[in-house]
Amino acid sequence: MNKRSLRARMREARLAFASVEPIRVAPEFIKRLRAGSVVASYRPMPGEADPAPLERAARQAGCALALPFLTDRSAPMRFRRWDGALAAGPYGIEQPPADAPEVAPDVILTPLVAFDRTGARLGQGAGLYDRAFAAHPGAWRVGVAWSVQEVDVLPIDAWDVPLHAIATEKEWITP
């Protein structure tokens, strides 16, 4: 199956899924957190898994939070410190105001369209997160998804950057 048709099918599955359970915060996640570290999260779009439990754990550990900051598809995604204030960004996303300080994340929480147990991920298709991963190679990459978004095998391209872990409402997956 090609990425385009898989994306369409998995977006439908994600939208149809109604979990009453939040995303799990695994001990492996908490052990990685250090006071003063920067954890980049995201504001979930309809159907996306909400990273709020992971954000709370990061704040409790003394981490700073950041969110993606976009200007357009061709510009790299940057991360700006998030203190709770949000501004409207492109593509319907909420992001920190333009004057929020830019930061380099130590952990990047990533929304997913689909994933497999090897750490392969399928995103929205613009390559924004792959380019952000390349710009921050030392950041720990954690996919956040509902369990229904898991597939046996994902088609991957040379530029696809794998995840270090995946958090779902059912389990913590370490490839």
N, C-alpha and C. Protein backbone atom coordinates (compact mmCIF):
# COMPACT_ATOMS: atom_id res chain seq x y z
N MET A 1 0.85 -1.19 0.00
CA MET A 1 0.00 0.00 0.00
C MET A 1 0.89 1.24 0.00
N ASN A 2 0.53 2.23 -0.81
CA ASN A 2 1.34 3.44 -0.85
C ASN A 2 0.99 4.36 0.32
N LYS A 3 1.86 5.32 0.58
CA LYS A 3 1.69 6.20 1.74
C LYS A 3 0.41 7.02 1.65
N ARG A 4 0.06 7.48 0.47
CA ARG A 4 -1.13 8.33 0.33
C ARG A 4 -2.39 7.58 0.73
N SER A 5 -2.59 6.38 0.22
CA SER A 5 -3.80 5.63 0.56
C SER A 5 -3.76 5.15 2.01
N LEU A 6 -2.59 4.81 2.50
CA LEU A 6 -2.46 4.42 3.91
C LEU A 6 -2.79 5.60 4.83
N ARG A 7 -2.32 6.78 4.48
CA ARG A 7 -2.64 7.98 5.27
C ARG A 7 -4.16 8.18 5.35
N ALA A 8 -4.83 8.09 4.21
CA ALA A 8 -6.29 8.28 4.20
C ALA A 8 -6.99 7.25 5.08
N ARG A 9 -6.59 6.00 4.96
CA ARG A 9 -7.22 4.94 5.76
C ARG A 9 -6.94 5.13 7.24
N MET A 10 -5.72 5.48 7.60
CA MET A 10 -5.36 5.62 9.01
C MET A 10 -5.95 6.89 9.63
N ARG A 11 -6.11 7.94 8.85
CA ARG A 11 -6.78 9.14 9.37
C ARG A 11 -8.23 8.83 9.73
N GLU A 12 -8.89 8.05 8.88
CA GLU A 12 -10.27 7.63 9.16
C GLU A 12 -10.33 6.80 10.43
N ALA A 13 -9.42 5.86 10.58
CA ALA A 13 -9.39 5.01 11.78
C ALA A 13 -9.14 5.85 13.02
N ARG A 14 -8.24 6.81 12.91
CA ARG A 14 -7.91 7.68 14.04
C ARG A 14 -9.13 8.53 14.44
N LEU A 15 -9.82 9.09 13.46
CA LEU A 15 -11.01 9.91 13.75
C LEU A 15 -12.15 9.09 14.36
N ALA A 16 -12.27 7.84 13.92
CA ALA A 16 -13.35 6.98 14.41
C ALA A 16 -13.08 6.44 15.81
N PHE A 17 -11.83 6.45 16.22
CA PHE A 17 -11.45 5.89 17.52
C PHE A 17 -11.81 6.85 18.63
N ALA A 18 -12.45 6.34 19.66
CA ALA A 18 -12.82 7.16 20.80
C ALA A 18 -12.28 6.50 22.07
N SER A 19 -11.11 6.91 22.48
CA SER A 19 -10.51 6.33 23.68
C SER A 19 -10.98 7.08 24.91
N VAL A 20 -11.30 6.32 25.94
CA VAL A 20 -11.59 6.94 27.23
C VAL A 20 -10.34 6.94 28.09
N GLU A 21 -9.32 6.24 27.62
CA GLU A 21 -8.05 6.18 28.33
C GLU A 21 -7.09 7.22 27.77
N PRO A 22 -6.36 7.90 28.64
CA PRO A 22 -5.35 8.85 28.15
C PRO A 22 -4.09 8.12 27.70
N ILE A 23 -3.23 8.85 27.05
CA ILE A 23 -1.92 8.32 26.68
C ILE A 23 -1.17 7.97 27.96
N ARG A 24 -0.52 6.81 27.94
CA ARG A 24 0.23 6.35 29.12
C ARG A 24 1.54 7.10 29.29
N VAL A 25 1.87 7.35 30.54
CA VAL A 25 3.16 7.93 30.87
C VAL A 25 3.97 6.78 31.49
N ALA A 26 4.89 6.26 30.73
CA ALA A 26 5.67 5.10 31.16
C ALA A 26 6.86 5.53 32.03
N PRO A 27 7.30 4.65 32.91
CA PRO A 27 8.50 4.94 33.71
C PRO A 27 9.71 5.28 32.83
N GLU A 28 9.80 4.67 31.64
CA GLU A 28 10.91 4.95 30.72
C GLU A 28 10.92 6.41 30.29
N PHE A 29 9.72 6.99 30.15
CA PHE A 29 9.63 8.40 29.79
C PHE A 29 10.10 9.26 30.96
N ILE A 30 9.59 8.99 32.13
CA ILE A 30 9.93 9.79 33.31
C ILE A 30 11.42 9.74 33.60
N LYS A 31 12.04 8.58 33.42
CA LYS A 31 13.49 8.44 33.67
C LYS A 31 14.33 9.31 32.75
N ARG A 32 13.82 9.62 31.58
CA ARG A 32 14.55 10.45 30.60
C ARG A 32 14.49 11.94 30.91
N LEU A 33 13.54 12.34 31.70
CA LEU A 33 13.31 13.77 31.95
C LEU A 33 14.31 14.32 32.96
N ARG A 34 14.84 15.48 32.65
CA ARG A 34 15.78 16.17 33.53
C ARG A 34 15.32 17.62 33.70
N ALA A 35 15.42 18.12 34.91
CA ALA A 35 15.06 19.52 35.17
C ALA A 35 15.86 20.41 34.22
N GLY A 36 15.17 21.34 33.59
CA GLY A 36 15.80 22.26 32.66
C GLY A 36 15.81 21.78 31.22
N SER A 37 15.50 20.51 31.00
CA SER A 37 15.41 20.01 29.62
C SER A 37 14.20 20.63 28.93
N VAL A 38 14.23 20.60 27.61
CA VAL A 38 13.12 21.14 26.81
C VAL A 38 12.40 19.97 26.15
N VAL A 39 11.11 19.88 26.42
CA VAL A 39 10.26 18.86 25.80
C VAL A 39 9.34 19.57 24.82
N ALA A 40 9.50 19.25 23.53
CA ALA A 40 8.64 19.81 22.49
C ALA A 40 7.40 18.93 22.38
N SER A 41 6.25 19.55 22.46
CA SER A 41 4.99 18.83 22.34
C SER A 41 4.24 19.38 21.14
N TYR A 42 2.93 19.24 21.12
CA TYR A 42 2.10 19.75 20.04
C TYR A 42 0.68 19.91 20.54
N ARG A 43 -0.09 20.74 19.89
CA ARG A 43 -1.53 20.87 20.16
C ARG A 43 -2.22 19.91 19.21
N PRO A 44 -2.97 18.95 19.74
CA PRO A 44 -3.57 17.93 18.87
C PRO A 44 -4.66 18.48 17.95
N MET A 45 -4.63 18.01 16.73
CA MET A 45 -5.67 18.28 15.75
C MET A 45 -6.78 17.25 15.99
N PRO A 46 -7.97 17.43 15.41
CA PRO A 46 -9.04 16.46 15.61
C PRO A 46 -8.60 15.03 15.30
N GLY A 47 -8.84 14.15 16.25
CA GLY A 47 -8.49 12.74 16.11
C GLY A 47 -7.11 12.38 16.64
N GLU A 48 -6.20 13.35 16.74
CA GLU A 48 -4.85 13.04 17.20
C GLU A 48 -4.85 12.75 18.71
N ALA A 49 -3.95 11.88 19.11
CA ALA A 49 -3.77 11.58 20.52
C ALA A 49 -3.26 12.82 21.25
N ASP A 50 -3.82 13.06 22.42
CA ASP A 50 -3.46 14.24 23.21
C ASP A 50 -2.23 13.95 24.07
N PRO A 51 -1.15 14.71 23.89
CA PRO A 51 0.07 14.49 24.67
C PRO A 51 0.04 15.09 26.07
N ALA A 52 -1.11 15.60 26.53
CA ALA A 52 -1.19 16.30 27.82
C ALA A 52 -0.62 15.50 28.99
N PRO A 53 -0.86 14.18 29.10
CA PRO A 53 -0.27 13.46 30.24
C PRO A 53 1.27 13.49 30.22
N LEU A 54 1.86 13.44 29.05
CA LEU A 54 3.31 13.51 28.93
C LEU A 54 3.80 14.92 29.26
N GLU A 55 3.04 15.92 28.85
CA GLU A 55 3.39 17.31 29.18
C GLU A 55 3.38 17.53 30.69
N ARG A 56 2.34 17.00 31.36
CA ARG A 56 2.26 17.15 32.83
C ARG A 56 3.46 16.50 33.50
N ALA A 57 3.83 15.31 33.04
CA ALA A 57 5.00 14.63 33.62
C ALA A 57 6.27 15.45 33.41
N ALA A 58 6.40 16.04 32.23
CA ALA A 58 7.58 16.87 31.94
C ALA A 58 7.61 18.10 32.84
N ARG A 59 6.48 18.74 33.00
CA ARG A 59 6.44 19.92 33.90
C ARG A 59 6.78 19.53 35.33
N GLN A 60 6.23 18.40 35.79
CA GLN A 60 6.51 17.94 37.16
C GLN A 60 7.99 17.64 37.36
N ALA A 61 8.67 17.25 36.29
CA ALA A 61 10.10 16.96 36.36
C ALA A 61 10.96 18.22 36.22
N GLY A 62 10.31 19.37 36.03
CA GLY A 62 11.05 20.62 35.91
C GLY A 62 11.49 20.96 34.50
N CYS A 63 10.91 20.31 33.52
CA CYS A 63 11.24 20.58 32.12
C CYS A 63 10.49 21.80 31.61
N ALA A 64 11.05 22.46 30.63
CA ALA A 64 10.36 23.52 29.91
C ALA A 64 9.62 22.88 28.74
N LEU A 65 8.48 23.44 28.37
CA LEU A 65 7.73 22.93 27.22
C LEU A 65 7.89 23.87 26.04
N ALA A 66 7.85 23.28 24.86
CA ALA A 66 7.91 24.04 23.61
C ALA A 66 6.88 23.45 22.67
N LEU A 67 6.51 24.23 21.68
CA LEU A 67 5.60 23.76 20.62
C LEU A 67 6.20 24.12 19.27
N PRO A 68 5.78 23.38 18.23
CA PRO A 68 6.23 23.74 16.89
C PRO A 68 5.76 25.15 16.52
N PHE A 69 6.59 25.82 15.74
CA PHE A 69 6.24 27.14 15.22
C PHE A 69 6.46 27.08 13.72
N LEU A 70 5.39 27.32 12.97
CA LEU A 70 5.44 27.23 11.51
C LEU A 70 5.11 28.57 10.88
N THR A 71 5.73 28.80 9.73
CA THR A 71 5.36 29.96 8.94
C THR A 71 4.76 29.52 7.62
N ASP A 72 5.36 28.49 6.97
CA ASP A 72 4.79 27.88 5.76
C ASP A 72 5.46 26.52 5.54
N ARG A 73 4.95 25.75 4.57
CA ARG A 73 5.45 24.38 4.36
C ARG A 73 6.91 24.31 3.95
N SER A 74 7.40 25.33 3.27
CA SER A 74 8.79 25.27 2.80
C SER A 74 9.79 25.67 3.89
N ALA A 75 9.34 26.41 4.88
CA ALA A 75 10.23 26.85 5.96
C ALA A 75 10.37 25.73 6.99
N PRO A 76 11.54 25.61 7.59
CA PRO A 76 11.71 24.57 8.60
C PRO A 76 10.82 24.83 9.82
N MET A 77 10.40 23.76 10.44
CA MET A 77 9.64 23.87 11.68
C MET A 77 10.64 24.22 12.79
N ARG A 78 10.29 25.22 13.53
CA ARG A 78 11.11 25.62 14.67
C ARG A 78 10.31 25.31 15.93
N PHE A 79 10.98 25.36 17.06
CA PHE A 79 10.30 25.15 18.33
C PHE A 79 10.47 26.40 19.16
N ARG A 80 9.34 26.86 19.72
CA ARG A 80 9.37 28.03 20.59
C ARG A 80 8.83 27.64 21.96
N ARG A 81 9.41 28.25 22.96
CA ARG A 81 9.00 27.98 24.34
C ARG A 81 7.51 28.27 24.48
N TRP A 82 6.84 27.41 25.24
CA TRP A 82 5.39 27.54 25.41
C TRP A 82 5.07 27.74 26.88
N ASP A 83 4.53 28.89 27.18
CA ASP A 83 4.14 29.20 28.56
C ASP A 83 2.64 29.12 28.77
N GLY A 84 1.92 28.63 27.78
CA GLY A 84 0.46 28.53 27.85
C GLY A 84 -0.23 29.43 26.85
N ALA A 85 0.44 30.51 26.42
CA ALA A 85 -0.16 31.41 25.44
C ALA A 85 -0.09 30.76 24.06
N LEU A 86 -1.16 30.92 23.30
CA LEU A 86 -1.23 30.36 21.95
C LEU A 86 -1.67 31.41 20.95
N ALA A 87 -1.18 31.26 19.73
CA ALA A 87 -1.57 32.12 18.63
C ALA A 87 -1.97 31.23 17.46
N ALA A 88 -2.77 31.75 16.57
CA ALA A 88 -3.17 30.99 15.38
C ALA A 88 -1.98 30.88 14.43
N GLY A 89 -1.74 29.68 13.96
CA GLY A 89 -0.67 29.45 13.00
C GLY A 89 -1.24 28.93 11.70
N PRO A 90 -0.38 28.67 10.72
CA PRO A 90 -0.86 28.13 9.45
C PRO A 90 -1.43 26.72 9.63
N TYR A 91 -2.28 26.34 8.68
CA TYR A 91 -2.88 25.00 8.63
C TYR A 91 -3.78 24.70 9.82
N GLY A 92 -4.26 25.72 10.50
CA GLY A 92 -5.17 25.52 11.62
C GLY A 92 -4.50 25.09 12.91
N ILE A 93 -3.18 25.18 12.98
CA ILE A 93 -2.51 24.78 14.22
C ILE A 93 -2.46 25.95 15.19
N GLU A 94 -2.39 25.61 16.46
CA GLU A 94 -2.15 26.61 17.49
C GLU A 94 -0.67 26.51 17.85
N GLN A 95 -0.03 27.66 17.99
CA GLN A 95 1.40 27.68 18.27
C GLN A 95 1.73 28.84 19.20
N PRO A 96 2.93 28.83 19.77
CA PRO A 96 3.31 29.96 20.62
C PRO A 96 3.34 31.26 19.82
N PRO A 97 3.22 32.38 20.48
CA PRO A 97 3.33 33.66 19.77
C PRO A 97 4.70 33.80 19.11
N ALA A 98 4.78 34.61 18.08
CA ALA A 98 6.02 34.80 17.32
C ALA A 98 7.16 35.34 18.17
N ASP A 99 6.84 36.02 19.28
CA ASP A 99 7.91 36.57 20.11
C ASP A 99 8.38 35.62 21.21
N ALA A 100 7.83 34.40 21.26
CA ALA A 100 8.29 33.41 22.24
C ALA A 100 9.71 32.99 21.85
N PRO A 101 10.57 32.74 22.83
CA PRO A 101 11.96 32.37 22.52
C PRO A 101 12.06 31.04 21.77
N GLU A 102 12.92 31.00 20.78
CA GLU A 102 13.18 29.75 20.06
C GLU A 102 14.09 28.89 20.93
N VAL A 103 13.81 27.58 20.97
CA VAL A 103 14.57 26.65 21.80
C VAL A 103 14.94 25.40 21.01
N ALA A 104 15.94 24.69 21.51
CA ALA A 104 16.34 23.40 20.92
C ALA A 104 15.80 22.30 21.83
N PRO A 105 14.94 21.44 21.32
CA PRO A 105 14.34 20.41 22.17
C PRO A 105 15.30 19.26 22.49
N ASP A 106 15.14 18.72 23.70
CA ASP A 106 15.84 17.51 24.12
C ASP A 106 14.97 16.28 23.85
N VAL A 107 13.66 16.49 23.88
CA VAL A 107 12.67 15.45 23.60
C VAL A 107 11.67 16.06 22.62
N ILE A 108 11.30 15.29 21.60
CA ILE A 108 10.27 15.76 20.66
C ILE A 108 9.12 14.77 20.67
N LEU A 109 7.96 15.22 21.17
CA LEU A 109 6.73 14.43 21.12
C LEU A 109 6.10 14.69 19.76
N THR A 110 5.81 13.63 19.05
CA THR A 110 5.41 13.73 17.66
C THR A 110 4.04 13.12 17.40
N PRO A 111 3.10 13.87 16.82
CA PRO A 111 1.82 13.25 16.45
C PRO A 111 2.03 12.31 15.27
N LEU A 112 1.24 11.27 15.22
CA LEU A 112 1.39 10.27 14.17
C LEU A 112 0.09 10.04 13.42
N VAL A 113 0.23 9.63 12.17
CA VAL A 113 -0.90 9.11 11.40
C VAL A 113 -0.89 7.59 11.54
N ALA A 114 0.31 6.99 11.50
CA ALA A 114 0.47 5.55 11.69
C ALA A 114 1.89 5.28 12.17
N PHE A 115 2.09 4.07 12.73
CA PHE A 115 3.41 3.65 13.18
C PHE A 115 3.49 2.13 13.13
N ASP A 116 4.73 1.63 13.17
CA ASP A 116 4.91 0.19 13.34
C ASP A 116 5.91 -0.04 14.47
N ARG A 117 6.13 -1.28 14.84
CA ARG A 117 6.96 -1.60 16.00
C ARG A 117 8.46 -1.46 15.74
N THR A 118 8.84 -1.13 14.52
CA THR A 118 10.26 -0.87 14.25
C THR A 118 10.61 0.58 14.54
N GLY A 119 9.60 1.41 14.85
CA GLY A 119 9.82 2.83 15.06
C GLY A 119 9.57 3.66 13.82
N ALA A 120 9.16 3.02 12.74
CA ALA A 120 8.80 3.78 11.54
C ALA A 120 7.51 4.54 11.81
N ARG A 121 7.40 5.72 11.22
CA ARG A 121 6.24 6.56 11.45
C ARG A 121 5.72 7.12 10.14
N LEU A 122 4.43 7.36 10.14
CA LEU A 122 3.81 8.03 9.00
C LEU A 122 3.19 9.30 9.55
N GLY A 123 3.63 10.44 9.03
CA GLY A 123 3.10 11.72 9.45
C GLY A 123 2.15 12.27 8.41
N GLN A 124 1.97 13.58 8.42
CA GLN A 124 1.02 14.22 7.52
C GLN A 124 1.51 14.26 6.07
N GLY A 125 2.80 14.09 5.85
CA GLY A 125 3.30 14.02 4.48
C GLY A 125 4.10 15.22 4.02
N ALA A 126 4.24 16.24 4.85
CA ALA A 126 5.00 17.42 4.44
C ALA A 126 6.48 17.32 4.78
N GLY A 127 6.85 16.35 5.59
CA GLY A 127 8.25 16.17 5.97
C GLY A 127 8.74 17.12 7.04
N LEU A 128 7.83 17.85 7.67
CA LEU A 128 8.24 18.84 8.67
C LEU A 128 8.96 18.19 9.85
N TYR A 129 8.40 17.11 10.37
CA TYR A 129 9.05 16.46 11.52
C TYR A 129 10.35 15.77 11.11
N ASP A 130 10.41 15.16 9.94
CA ASP A 130 11.67 14.55 9.50
C ASP A 130 12.77 15.60 9.43
N ARG A 131 12.45 16.76 8.91
CA ARG A 131 13.46 17.83 8.83
C ARG A 131 13.81 18.35 10.22
N ALA A 132 12.83 18.42 11.12
CA ALA A 132 13.10 18.85 12.50
C ALA A 132 13.99 17.82 13.21
N PHE A 133 13.72 16.53 12.98
CA PHE A 133 14.57 15.49 13.58
C PHE A 133 16.00 15.63 13.08
N ALA A 134 16.17 15.89 11.80
CA ALA A 134 17.51 16.05 11.24
C ALA A 134 18.21 17.28 11.82
N ALA A 135 17.45 18.33 12.09
CA ALA A 135 18.02 19.55 12.66
C ALA A 135 18.37 19.40 14.14
N HIS A 136 17.74 18.42 14.80
CA HIS A 136 17.98 18.17 16.23
C HIS A 136 18.28 16.69 16.43
N PRO A 137 19.42 16.22 15.90
CA PRO A 137 19.70 14.78 15.91
C PRO A 137 19.84 14.16 17.30
N GLY A 138 20.16 14.96 18.30
CA GLY A 138 20.31 14.44 19.65
C GLY A 138 19.01 14.34 20.43
N ALA A 139 17.93 14.86 19.86
CA ALA A 139 16.64 14.84 20.57
C ALA A 139 16.07 13.42 20.57
N TRP A 140 15.44 13.07 21.66
CA TRP A 140 14.78 11.77 21.82
C TRP A 140 13.41 11.89 21.17
N ARG A 141 13.13 11.06 20.17
CA ARG A 141 11.92 11.15 19.36
C ARG A 141 10.86 10.17 19.85
N VAL A 142 9.75 10.72 20.34
CA VAL A 142 8.67 9.90 20.89
C VAL A 142 7.39 10.15 20.11
N GLY A 143 6.89 9.12 19.45
CA GLY A 143 5.62 9.21 18.75
C GLY A 143 4.47 9.08 19.76
N VAL A 144 3.40 9.81 19.52
CA VAL A 144 2.22 9.77 20.39
C VAL A 144 1.04 9.42 19.50
N ALA A 145 0.38 8.30 19.81
CA ALA A 145 -0.69 7.82 18.92
C ALA A 145 -1.65 6.93 19.68
N TRP A 146 -2.79 6.70 19.08
CA TRP A 146 -3.74 5.72 19.59
C TRP A 146 -3.31 4.34 19.12
N SER A 147 -3.64 3.32 19.86
CA SER A 147 -3.24 1.95 19.50
C SER A 147 -3.79 1.52 18.15
N VAL A 148 -4.92 2.08 17.72
CA VAL A 148 -5.51 1.71 16.42
C VAL A 148 -4.68 2.22 15.25
N GLN A 149 -3.70 3.05 15.51
CA GLN A 149 -2.86 3.59 14.45
C GLN A 149 -1.66 2.69 14.12
N GLU A 150 -1.53 1.58 14.84
CA GLU A 150 -0.44 0.66 14.58
C GLU A 150 -0.73 -0.19 13.35
N VAL A 151 0.29 -0.35 12.51
CA VAL A 151 0.21 -1.24 11.35
C VAL A 151 1.38 -2.22 11.44
N ASP A 152 1.30 -3.31 10.68
CA ASP A 152 2.36 -4.31 10.72
C ASP A 152 3.68 -3.77 10.19
N VAL A 153 3.62 -3.16 9.01
CA VAL A 153 4.83 -2.63 8.38
C VAL A 153 4.47 -1.36 7.62
N LEU A 154 5.29 -0.34 7.78
CA LEU A 154 5.09 0.91 7.04
C LEU A 154 6.07 1.00 5.88
N PRO A 155 5.63 1.55 4.76
CA PRO A 155 6.59 1.84 3.70
C PRO A 155 7.44 3.03 4.14
N ILE A 156 8.75 2.91 4.00
CA ILE A 156 9.63 4.00 4.42
C ILE A 156 10.50 4.45 3.26
N ASP A 157 10.88 5.71 3.34
CA ASP A 157 11.78 6.30 2.35
C ASP A 157 13.11 6.61 3.03
N ALA A 158 14.12 6.90 2.25
CA ALA A 158 15.46 7.16 2.78
C ALA A 158 15.48 8.32 3.77
N TRP A 159 14.61 9.29 3.61
CA TRP A 159 14.62 10.47 4.47
C TRP A 159 13.78 10.30 5.74
N ASP A 160 13.05 9.19 5.86
CA ASP A 160 12.22 8.96 7.04
C ASP A 160 13.10 8.66 8.25
N VAL A 161 12.90 9.42 9.31
CA VAL A 161 13.68 9.26 10.54
C VAL A 161 12.85 8.46 11.54
N PRO A 162 13.40 7.35 12.06
CA PRO A 162 12.62 6.52 12.98
C PRO A 162 12.48 7.13 14.37
N LEU A 163 11.51 6.61 15.09
CA LEU A 163 11.25 7.03 16.46
C LEU A 163 12.08 6.20 17.44
N HIS A 164 12.33 6.78 18.61
CA HIS A 164 12.98 6.04 19.68
C HIS A 164 11.95 5.28 20.52
N ALA A 165 10.72 5.80 20.57
CA ALA A 165 9.66 5.19 21.37
C ALA A 165 8.31 5.66 20.86
N ILE A 166 7.26 4.91 21.23
CA ILE A 166 5.89 5.28 20.89
C ILE A 166 5.04 5.12 22.13
N ALA A 167 4.27 6.15 22.46
CA ALA A 167 3.34 6.11 23.59
C ALA A 167 1.92 6.00 23.05
N THR A 168 1.16 5.02 23.56
CA THR A 168 -0.25 4.90 23.23
C THR A 168 -1.04 4.85 24.53
N GLU A 169 -2.34 4.72 24.41
CA GLU A 169 -3.18 4.60 25.60
C GLU A 169 -3.04 3.21 26.24
N LYS A 170 -2.48 2.25 25.50
CA LYS A 170 -2.34 0.90 26.01
C LYS A 170 -0.94 0.53 26.47
N GLU A 171 0.07 1.10 25.80
CA GLU A 171 1.43 0.65 26.12
C GLU A 171 2.48 1.66 25.67
N TRP A 172 3.69 1.41 26.17
CA TRP A 172 4.89 2.12 25.76
C TRP A 172 5.67 1.16 24.89
N ILE A 173 6.02 1.58 23.68
CA ILE A 173 6.70 0.70 22.73
C ILE A 173 8.11 1.24 22.49
N THR A 174 9.10 0.39 22.71
CA THR A 174 10.48 0.74 22.41
C THR A 174 10.95 -0.15 21.29
N PRO A 175 11.16 0.40 20.10
CA PRO A 175 11.62 -0.44 18.98
C PRO A 175 12.97 -1.09 19.26
